[in-house]
PDB file of N, CA and C in Angstrom:
ATOM      1  N   UNK A   1       0.437  22.487  22.356  1.00  0.00           N
ATOM      2  CA  UNK A   1       1.795  21.492  22.338  1.00  0.00           C
ATOM      3  C   UNK A   1       1.840  21.123  20.725  1.00  0.00           C
ATOM      4  N   UNK A   2       3.314  21.076  20.288  1.00  0.00           N
ATOM      5  CA  UNK A   2       2.960  20.358  18.877  1.00  0.00           C
ATOM      6  C   UNK A   2       2.643  18.698  18.578  1.00  0.00           C
ATOM      7  N   UNK A   3       2.174  18.761  17.554  1.00  0.00           N
ATOM      8  CA  UNK A   3       1.599  17.659  17.204  1.00  0.00           C
ATOM      9  C   UNK A   3       2.341  16.957  15.750  1.00  0.00           C
ATOM     10  N   UNK A   4       2.602  15.666  15.769  1.00  0.00           N
ATOM     11  CA  UNK A   4       3.150  15.168  14.780  1.00  0.00           C
ATOM     12  C   UNK A   4       2.452  14.037  14.294  1.00  0.00           C
ATOM     13  N   UNK A   5       2.553  14.015  12.887  1.00  0.00           N
ATOM     14  CA  UNK A   5       1.986  12.090  12.643  1.00  0.00           C
ATOM     15  C   UNK A   5       3.242  12.122  11.432  1.00  0.00           C
ATOM     16  N   UNK A   6       3.457  10.728  11.618  1.00  0.00           N
ATOM     17  CA  UNK A   6       4.438  10.043  10.848  1.00  0.00           C
ATOM     18  C   UNK A   6       3.456   8.519  10.368  1.00  0.00           C
ATOM     19  N   UNK A   7       3.736   8.708   9.086  1.00  0.00           N
ATOM     20  CA  UNK A   7       2.998   7.392   8.452  1.00  0.00           C
ATOM     21  C   UNK A   7       3.360   7.242   7.504  1.00  0.00           C
ATOM     22  N   UNK A   8       2.183   6.322   6.608  1.00  0.00           N
ATOM     23  CA  UNK A   8       2.409   6.020   4.941  1.00  0.00           C
ATOM     24  C   UNK A   8       0.869   6.367   4.374  1.00  0.00           C
ATOM     25  N   UNK A   9       0.951   6.299   3.118  1.00  0.00           N
ATOM     26  CA  UNK A   9      -0.243   6.317   2.326  1.00  0.00           C
ATOM     27  C   UNK A   9       0.309   4.981   1.631  1.00  0.00           C
ATOM     28  N   UNK A  10      -0.823   3.753   1.250  1.00  0.00           N
ATOM     29  CA  UNK A  10      -0.346   2.475   0.885  1.00  0.00           C
ATOM     30  C   UNK A  10      -1.807   2.415  -0.402  1.00  0.00           C
ATOM     31  N   UNK A  11      -0.814   2.562  -1.770  1.00  0.00           N
ATOM     32  CA  UNK A  11      -2.086   2.161  -2.715  1.00  0.00           C
ATOM     33  C   UNK A  11      -2.105   0.501  -2.767  1.00  0.00           C
ATOM     34  N   UNK A  12      -3.392   0.369  -3.076  1.00  0.00           N
ATOM     35  CA  UNK A  12      -3.555  -1.055  -3.540  1.00  0.00           C
ATOM     36  C   UNK A  12      -3.092  -1.468  -5.077  1.00  0.00           C
ATOM     37  N   UNK A  13      -2.587  -0.134  -6.190  1.00  0.00           N
ATOM     38  CA  UNK A  13      -2.366  -0.669  -7.369  1.00  0.00           C
ATOM     39  C   UNK A  13      -1.944   0.719  -7.891  1.00  0.00           C
ATOM     40  N   UNK A  14      -1.257   0.802  -9.553  1.00  0.00           N
ATOM     41  CA  UNK A  14      -1.216   1.815  -9.906  1.00  0.00           C
ATOM     42  C   UNK A  14      -2.008   3.042 -10.408  1.00  0.00           C
ATOM     43  N   UNK A  15      -3.294   2.610 -10.446  1.00  0.00           N
ATOM     44  CA  UNK A  15      -4.277   3.335 -10.598  1.00  0.00           C
ATOM     45  C   UNK A  15      -4.540   4.402  -9.395  1.00  0.00           C
ATOM     46  N   UNK A  16      -4.414   3.796  -8.019  1.00  0.00           N
ATOM     47  CA  UNK A  16      -4.275   4.683  -6.763  1.00  0.00           C
ATOM     48  C   UNK A  16      -3.230   5.495  -6.997  1.00  0.00           C
ATOM     49  N   UNK A  17      -1.804   4.998  -7.570  1.00  0.00           N
ATOM     50  CA  UNK A  17      -0.726   5.777  -7.229  1.00  0.00           C
ATOM     51  C   UNK A  17      -0.869   6.684  -8.157  1.00  0.00           C
ATOM     52  N   UNK A  18      -1.667   6.663  -9.134  1.00  0.00           N
ATOM     53  CA  UNK A  18      -1.760   7.798 -10.066  1.00  0.00           C
ATOM     54  C   UNK A  18      -2.751   8.944  -9.796  1.00  0.00           C
ATOM     55  N   UNK A  19      -3.669   8.605  -8.789  1.00  0.00           N
ATOM     56  CA  UNK A  19      -4.496   9.778  -7.888  1.00  0.00           C
ATOM     57  C   UNK A  19      -3.270  10.361  -7.416  1.00  0.00           C
ATOM     58  N   UNK A  20      -2.384   9.652  -6.433  1.00  0.00           N
ATOM     59  CA  UNK A  20      -1.629  10.416  -5.520  1.00  0.00           C
ATOM     60  C   UNK A  20      -0.801  11.209  -6.428  1.00  0.00           C
ATOM     61  N   UNK A  21      -0.237  11.087  -7.257  1.00  0.00           N
ATOM     62  CA  UNK A  21       0.774  11.969  -8.143  1.00  0.00           C
ATOM     63  C   UNK A  21       0.178  12.575  -8.703  1.00  0.00           C
ATOM     64  N   UNK A  22      -1.130  12.688  -9.357  1.00  0.00           N
ATOM     65  CA  UNK A  22      -1.462  13.655  -9.701  1.00  0.00           C
ATOM     66  C   UNK A  22      -2.237  14.915  -8.673  1.00  0.00           C
ATOM     67  N   UNK A  23      -3.039  14.238  -7.933  1.00  0.00           N
ATOM     68  CA  UNK A  23      -3.485  15.498  -6.918  1.00  0.00           C
ATOM     69  C   UNK A  23      -2.636  16.033  -5.742  1.00  0.00           C
ATOM     70  N   UNK A  24      -1.545  15.094  -5.037  1.00  0.00           N
ATOM     71  CA  UNK A  24      -1.331  15.162  -3.991  1.00  0.00           C
ATOM     72  C   UNK A  24      -0.251  16.707  -4.022  1.00  0.00           C
ATOM     73  N   UNK A  25       0.291  17.113  -4.882  1.00  0.00           N
ATOM     74  CA  UNK A  25       0.984  18.594  -5.241  1.00  0.00           C
ATOM     75  C   UNK A  25       0.160  19.331  -5.030  1.00  0.00           C
ATOM     76  N   UNK A  26      -1.009  19.435  -5.288  1.00  0.00           N
ATOM     77  CA  UNK A  26      -2.080  20.863  -5.089  1.00  0.00           C
ATOM     78  C   UNK A  26      -2.409  20.493  -3.409  1.00  0.00           C
ATOM     79  N   UNK A  27      -2.631  19.355  -2.910  1.00  0.00           N
ATOM     80  CA  UNK A  27      -2.887  19.180  -1.587  1.00  0.00           C
ATOM     81  C   UNK A  27      -2.047  19.320  -0.227  1.00  0.00           C
ATOM     82  N   UNK A  28      -0.396  19.469  -0.798  1.00  0.00           N
ATOM     83  CA  UNK A  28       0.769  20.031  -0.263  1.00  0.00           C
ATOM     84  C   UNK A  28       0.636  21.337   0.074  1.00  0.00           C
ATOM     85  N   UNK A  29       0.587  21.858  -1.174  1.00  0.00           N
ATOM     86  CA  UNK A  29       0.676  23.366  -1.527  1.00  0.00           C
ATOM     87  C   UNK A  29      -0.327  23.838  -0.371  1.00  0.00           C
ATOM     88  N   UNK A  30      -1.787  23.418  -0.415  1.00  0.00           N
ATOM     89  CA  UNK A  30      -2.777  24.034   0.113  1.00  0.00           C
ATOM     90  C   UNK A  30      -2.590  23.849   1.926  1.00  0.00           C
ATOM     91  N   UNK A  31      -1.705  22.512   2.261  1.00  0.00           N
ATOM     92  CA  UNK A  31      -1.612  22.028   3.580  1.00  0.00           C
ATOM     93  C   UNK A  31      -0.484  23.375   4.024  1.00  0.00           C
ATOM     94  N   UNK A  32       0.441  23.732   3.407  1.00  0.00           N
ATOM     95  CA  UNK A  32       1.593  24.574   3.480  1.00  0.00           C
ATOM     96  C   UNK A  32       0.923  26.017   4.256  1.00  0.00           C
ATOM     97  N   UNK A  33      -0.159  26.388   3.385  1.00  0.00           N
ATOM     98  CA  UNK A  33      -0.595  27.751   3.782  1.00  0.00           C
ATOM     99  C   UNK A  33      -1.780  27.948   5.193  1.00  0.00           C
ATOM    100  N   UNK A  34      -2.090  26.081   5.699  1.00  0.00           N
ATOM    101  CA  UNK A  34      -2.970  26.531   6.774  1.00  0.00           C
ATOM    102  C   UNK A  34      -1.936  26.946   8.101  1.00  0.00           C
ATOM    103  N   UNK A  35      -2.867  27.744   8.744  1.00  0.00           N
ATOM    104  CA  UNK A  35      -2.128  28.271  10.139  1.00  0.00           C
ATOM    105  C   UNK A  35      -1.819  27.154  10.984  1.00  0.00           C
ATOM    106  N   UNK A  36      -0.379  27.337  11.521  1.00  0.00           N
ATOM    107  CA  UNK A  36      -0.110  26.040  12.585  1.00  0.00           C
ATOM    108  C   UNK A  36       0.627  24.722  12.033  1.00  0.00           C
ATOM    109  N   UNK A  37       0.735  24.945  10.543  1.00  0.00           N
ATOM    110  CA  UNK A  37       1.244  24.185   9.810  1.00  0.00           C
ATOM    111  C   UNK A  37       2.996  24.270   9.808  1.00  0.00           C
ATOM    112  N   UNK A  38       3.862  23.293  10.440  1.00  0.00           N
ATOM    113  CA  UNK A  38       4.920  23.628  10.912  1.00  0.00           C
ATOM    114  C   UNK A  38       5.673  23.084   9.759  1.00  0.00           C
ATOM    115  N   UNK A  39       5.334  21.826   9.886  1.00  0.00           N
ATOM    116  CA  UNK A  39       5.973  20.956   8.635  1.00  0.00           C
ATOM    117  C   UNK A  39       4.982  20.008   7.960  1.00  0.00           C
ATOM    118  N   UNK A  40       5.179  19.748   6.780  1.00  0.00           N
ATOM    119  CA  UNK A  40       3.875  18.674   5.882  1.00  0.00           C
ATOM    120  C   UNK A  40       4.889  18.358   4.562  1.00  0.00           C
ATOM    121  N   UNK A  41       5.401  16.926   4.772  1.00  0.00           N
ATOM    122  CA  UNK A  41       6.214  16.517   3.922  1.00  0.00           C
ATOM    123  C   UNK A  41       5.958  14.991   3.222  1.00  0.00           C
ATOM    124  N   UNK A  42       5.572  15.020   2.063  1.00  0.00           N
ATOM    125  CA  UNK A  42       4.765  13.579   1.584  1.00  0.00           C
ATOM    126  C   UNK A  42       5.969  12.983   0.359  1.00  0.00           C
ATOM    127  N   UNK A  43       6.643  12.214   0.512  1.00  0.00           N
ATOM    128  CA  UNK A  43       7.608  11.446  -0.344  1.00  0.00           C
ATOM    129  C   UNK A  43       7.246  10.364  -0.563  1.00  0.00           C
ATOM    130  N   UNK A  44       7.412   9.941  -2.029  1.00  0.00           N
ATOM    131  CA  UNK A  44       7.170   8.215  -2.330  1.00  0.00           C
ATOM    132  C   UNK A  44       8.725   7.725  -1.662  1.00  0.00           C
ATOM    133  N   UNK A  45       8.138   6.248  -1.351  1.00  0.00           N
ATOM    134  CA  UNK A  45       9.365   5.471  -0.937  1.00  0.00           C
ATOM    135  C   UNK A  45       9.778   4.574  -2.112  1.00  0.00           C
ATOM    136  N   UNK A  46      10.428   3.623  -1.415  1.00  0.00           N
ATOM    137  CA  UNK A  46      11.285   3.129  -2.736  1.00  0.00           C
ATOM    138  C   UNK A  46      10.432   2.061  -3.537  1.00  0.00           C
ATOM    139  N   UNK A  47       9.179   1.804  -2.876  1.00  0.00           N
ATOM    140  CA  UNK A  47       8.132   1.193  -3.125  1.00  0.00           C
ATOM    141  C   UNK A  47       7.195   2.230  -4.257  1.00  0.00           C
ATOM    142  N   UNK A  48       6.864   1.873  -5.266  1.00  0.00           N
ATOM    143  CA  UNK A  48       5.983   3.158  -6.327  1.00  0.00           C
ATOM    144  C   UNK A  48       4.536   3.014  -5.582  1.00  0.00           C
ATOM    145  N   UNK A  49       3.996   2.138  -4.696  1.00  0.00           N
ATOM    146  CA  UNK A  49       2.843   2.187  -4.256  1.00  0.00           C
ATOM    147  C   UNK A  49       2.895   2.960  -2.836  1.00  0.00           C
ATOM    148  N   UNK A  50       3.883   3.209  -2.170  1.00  0.00           N
ATOM    149  CA  UNK A  50       3.846   3.645  -0.993  1.00  0.00           C
ATOM    150  C   UNK A  50       4.508   5.132  -0.699  1.00  0.00           C
ATOM    151  N   UNK A  51       3.672   6.253   0.075  1.00  0.00           N
ATOM    152  CA  UNK A  51       4.447   7.404   0.304  1.00  0.00           C
ATOM    153  C   UNK A  51       4.528   7.312   1.863  1.00  0.00           C
ATOM    154  N   UNK A  52       5.873   8.397   1.779  1.00  0.00           N
ATOM    155  CA  UNK A  52       6.067   8.477   3.545  1.00  0.00           C
ATOM    156  C   UNK A  52       5.351   9.728   4.043  1.00  0.00           C
ATOM    157  N   UNK A  53       4.754  10.022   4.936  1.00  0.00           N
ATOM    158  CA  UNK A  53       4.367  11.243   5.465  1.00  0.00           C
ATOM    159  C   UNK A  53       4.852  11.637   6.805  1.00  0.00           C
ATOM    160  N   UNK A  54       5.129  12.829   6.816  1.00  0.00           N
ATOM    161  CA  UNK A  54       5.684  13.576   8.003  1.00  0.00           C
ATOM    162  C   UNK A  54       5.060  14.839   8.120  1.00  0.00           C
ATOM    163  N   UNK A  55       4.345  15.100   9.004  1.00  0.00           N
ATOM    164  CA  UNK A  55       3.444  16.208   9.240  1.00  0.00           C
ATOM    165  C   UNK A  55       3.840  16.667  10.784  1.00  0.00           C
ATOM    166  N   UNK A  56       3.843  18.073  10.955  1.00  0.00           N
ATOM    167  CA  UNK A  56       3.713  18.633  12.190  1.00  0.00           C
ATOM    168  C   UNK A  56       3.035  19.968  12.399  1.00  0.00           C
ATOM    169  N   UNK A  57       2.123  20.152  13.534  1.00  0.00           N
ATOM    170  CA  UNK A  57       1.307  21.463  13.430  1.00  0.00           C
ATOM    171  C   UNK A  57       1.394  21.860  14.749  1.00  0.00           C
ATOM    172  N   UNK A  58       1.196  23.208  14.957  1.00  0.00           N
ATOM    173  CA  UNK A  58       1.722  23.717  16.342  1.00  0.00           C
ATOM    174  C   UNK A  58       0.774  23.458  17.449  1.00  0.00           C
ATOM    175  N   UNK A  59      -0.464  23.347  16.976  1.00  0.00           N
ATOM    176  CA  UNK A  59      -1.447  22.452  17.965  1.00  0.00           C
ATOM    177  C   UNK A  59      -2.224  21.423  17.561  1.00  0.00           C
ATOM    178  N   UNK A  60      -2.938  20.452  18.686  1.00  0.00           N
ATOM    179  CA  UNK A  60      -3.897  19.796  18.279  1.00  0.00           C
ATOM    180  C   UNK A  60      -5.085  20.729  17.353  1.00  0.00           C
ATOM    181  N   UNK A  61      -5.717  21.376  17.881  1.00  0.00           N
ATOM    182  CA  UNK A  61      -6.695  22.467  17.278  1.00  0.00           C
ATOM    183  C   UNK A  61      -5.912  22.848  15.286  1.00  0.00           C
ATOM    184  N   UNK A  62      -4.979  23.102  15.358  1.00  0.00           N
ATOM    185  CA  UNK A  62      -4.393  23.333  13.986  1.00  0.00           C
ATOM    186  C   UNK A  62      -4.492  21.294  13.369  1.00  0.00           C
ATOM    187  N   UNK A  63      -4.410  20.542  13.970  1.00  0.00           N
ATOM    188  CA  UNK A  63      -4.108  19.600  13.412  1.00  0.00           C
ATOM    189  C   UNK A  63      -5.690  18.948  12.882  1.00  0.00           C
ATOM    190  N   UNK A  64      -6.604  19.204  13.787  1.00  0.00           N
ATOM    191  CA  UNK A  64      -7.828  18.858  13.682  1.00  0.00           C
ATOM    192  C   UNK A  64      -8.842  19.624  12.387  1.00  0.00           C
ATOM    193  N   UNK A  65      -8.208  21.218  12.343  1.00  0.00           N
ATOM    194  CA  UNK A  65      -8.807  21.971  11.452  1.00  0.00           C
ATOM    195  C   UNK A  65      -7.871  21.554   9.975  1.00  0.00           C
ATOM    196  N   UNK A  66      -6.612  20.754   9.746  1.00  0.00           N
ATOM    197  CA  UNK A  66      -6.120  20.160   8.723  1.00  0.00           C
ATOM    198  C   UNK A  66      -7.055  18.886   8.304  1.00  0.00           C
ATOM    199  N   UNK A  67      -7.175  18.365   9.337  1.00  0.00           N
ATOM    200  CA  UNK A  67      -8.336  17.211   9.191  1.00  0.00           C
ATOM    201  C   UNK A  67      -9.508  17.136   8.319  1.00  0.00           C
ATOM    202  N   UNK A  68     -10.354  18.270   8.869  1.00  0.00           N
ATOM    203  CA  UNK A  68     -11.408  18.774   8.410  1.00  0.00           C
ATOM    204  C   UNK A  68     -11.529  19.155   7.365  1.00  0.00           C
ATOM    205  N   UNK A  69     -10.254  20.046   6.698  1.00  0.00           N
ATOM    206  CA  UNK A  69      -9.916  20.780   5.454  1.00  0.00           C
ATOM    207  C   UNK A  69      -9.897  19.655   4.474  1.00  0.00           C
ATOM    208  N   UNK A  70      -8.856  18.646   4.999  1.00  0.00           N
ATOM    209  CA  UNK A  70      -8.564  17.584   3.965  1.00  0.00           C
ATOM    210  C   UNK A  70      -9.407  16.663   3.901  1.00  0.00           C
ATOM    211  N   UNK A  71     -10.410  16.398   4.770  1.00  0.00           N
ATOM    212  CA  UNK A  71     -11.682  15.266   4.280  1.00  0.00           C
ATOM    213  C   UNK A  71     -12.644  15.817   3.370  1.00  0.00           C
ATOM    214  N   UNK A  72     -13.021  17.315   3.403  1.00  0.00           N
ATOM    215  CA  UNK A  72     -13.505  17.739   2.696  1.00  0.00           C
ATOM    216  C   UNK A  72     -13.161  18.435   1.326  1.00  0.00           C
ATOM    217  N   UNK A  73     -11.831  18.068   1.044  1.00  0.00           N
ATOM    218  CA  UNK A  73     -11.249  18.869  -0.253  1.00  0.00           C
ATOM    219  C   UNK A  73     -11.429  17.550  -1.122  1.00  0.00           C
ATOM    220  N   UNK A  74     -10.988  18.161  -2.463  1.00  0.00           N
ATOM    221  CA  UNK A  74     -10.961  17.299  -3.557  1.00  0.00           C
ATOM    222  C   UNK A  74     -10.017  16.248  -3.329  1.00  0.00           C
ATOM    223  N   UNK A  75      -8.980  16.534  -2.648  1.00  0.00           N
ATOM    224  CA  UNK A  75      -7.777  15.514  -2.446  1.00  0.00           C
ATOM    225  C   UNK A  75      -8.555  14.399  -1.375  1.00  0.00           C
ATOM    226  N   UNK A  76      -9.069  14.998  -0.500  1.00  0.00           N
ATOM    227  CA  UNK A  76     -10.156  14.160   0.367  1.00  0.00           C
ATOM    228  C   UNK A  76     -10.796  13.157  -0.103  1.00  0.00           C
ATOM    229  N   UNK A  77     -11.541  13.505  -1.461  1.00  0.00           N
ATOM    230  CA  UNK A  77     -12.529  12.679  -1.882  1.00  0.00           C
ATOM    231  C   UNK A  77     -11.720  11.982  -3.142  1.00  0.00           C
ATOM    232  N   UNK A  78     -10.883  12.226  -4.009  1.00  0.00           N
ATOM    233  CA  UNK A  78     -10.256  11.231  -4.696  1.00  0.00           C
ATOM    234  C   UNK A  78      -9.155  10.457  -4.216  1.00  0.00           C
ATOM    235  N   UNK A  79      -8.849  10.339  -2.742  1.00  0.00           N
ATOM    236  CA  UNK A  79      -8.114   9.611  -2.460  1.00  0.00           C
ATOM    237  C   UNK A  79      -8.808   8.949  -0.746  1.00  0.00           C
ATOM    238  N   UNK A  80      -9.720   8.780  -0.800  1.00  0.00           N
ATOM    239  CA  UNK A  80     -10.541   7.967   0.011  1.00  0.00           C
ATOM    240  C   UNK A  80     -10.454   6.787   0.246  1.00  0.00           C
ATOM    241  N   UNK A  81      -9.890   6.341  -0.966  1.00  0.00           N
ATOM    242  CA  UNK A  81     -10.120   4.811  -0.604  1.00  0.00           C
ATOM    243  C   UNK A  81      -8.677   4.109  -0.776  1.00  0.00           C
ATOM    244  N   UNK A  82      -7.806   5.019  -0.444  1.00  0.00           N
ATOM    245  CA  UNK A  82      -6.473   4.460  -0.303  1.00  0.00           C
ATOM    246  C   UNK A  82      -6.183   4.512   1.003  1.00  0.00           C
ATOM    247  N   UNK A  83      -5.032   3.601   1.411  1.00  0.00           N
ATOM    248  CA  UNK A  83      -5.548   3.307   3.094  1.00  0.00           C
ATOM    249  C   UNK A  83      -4.030   4.332   3.728  1.00  0.00           C
ATOM    250  N   UNK A  84      -4.612   4.364   4.908  1.00  0.00           N
ATOM    251  CA  UNK A  84      -3.257   5.366   5.498  1.00  0.00           C
ATOM    252  C   UNK A  84      -2.863   4.575   6.848  1.00  0.00           C
ATOM    253  N   UNK A  85      -1.778   4.696   7.004  1.00  0.00           N
ATOM    254  CA  UNK A  85      -1.407   3.898   8.305  1.00  0.00           C
ATOM    255  C   UNK A  85      -0.381   5.347   9.016  1.00  0.00           C
ATOM    256  N   UNK A  86      -0.807   5.420   9.941  1.00  0.00           N
ATOM    257  CA  UNK A  86      -0.088   6.671  10.619  1.00  0.00           C
ATOM    258  C   UNK A  86      -0.051   6.287  12.485  1.00  0.00           C
ATOM    259  N   UNK A  87       0.590   7.177  12.879  1.00  0.00           N
ATOM    260  CA  UNK A  87       0.789   7.304  14.350  1.00  0.00           C
ATOM    261  C   UNK A  87       0.758   8.627  14.868  1.00  0.00           C
ATOM    262  N   UNK A  88       0.079   9.141  15.514  1.00  0.00           N
ATOM    263  CA  UNK A  88       0.251  10.582  16.115  1.00  0.00           C
ATOM    264  C   UNK A  88       0.683  10.776  17.479  1.00  0.00           C
ATOM    265  N   UNK A  89       1.475  11.601  17.634  1.00  0.00           N
ATOM    266  CA  UNK A  89       2.240  11.903  18.725  1.00  0.00           C
ATOM    267  C   UNK A  89       2.406  13.800  19.068  1.00  0.00           C
ATOM    268  N   UNK A  90       1.769  13.990  20.471  1.00  0.00           N
ATOM    269  CA  UNK A  90       1.969  15.220  20.819  1.00  0.00           C
ATOM    270  C   UNK A  90       2.766  15.368  21.918  1.00  0.00           C
ATOM    271  N   UNK A  91       3.929  16.556  21.812  1.00  0.00           N
ATOM    272  CA  UNK A  91       4.891  16.592  22.390  1.00  0.00           C
ATOM    273  C   UNK A  91       4.538  18.077  23.322  1.00  0.00           C
ATOM    274  N   UNK A  92       5.309  17.976  24.456  1.00  0.00           N
ATOM    275  CA  UNK A  92       5.096  19.180  25.398  1.00  0.00           C
ATOM    276  C   UNK A  92       6.449  20.089  25.245  1.00  0.00           C
TER     277      UNK A  92
END
């Protein structure tokens, strides 16, 4: 069953926003290469400190693999202090 995540990255200040601007493109590139990644889009909102997240993975296992890779990645390390607000839903 496909799994969808929608939400936001919420930076506290421009220092965190610069981390996102600098490191997010590589994270997106790597995520698109992951098995089961059907859609992965992160766009800056009208607020310069907030990014909108839209992700879809073929299965929960694919999503969990993505989460583990993300946590262990350079992106995961440099963005660890940035707040995330998201919802996960699974569709039949």
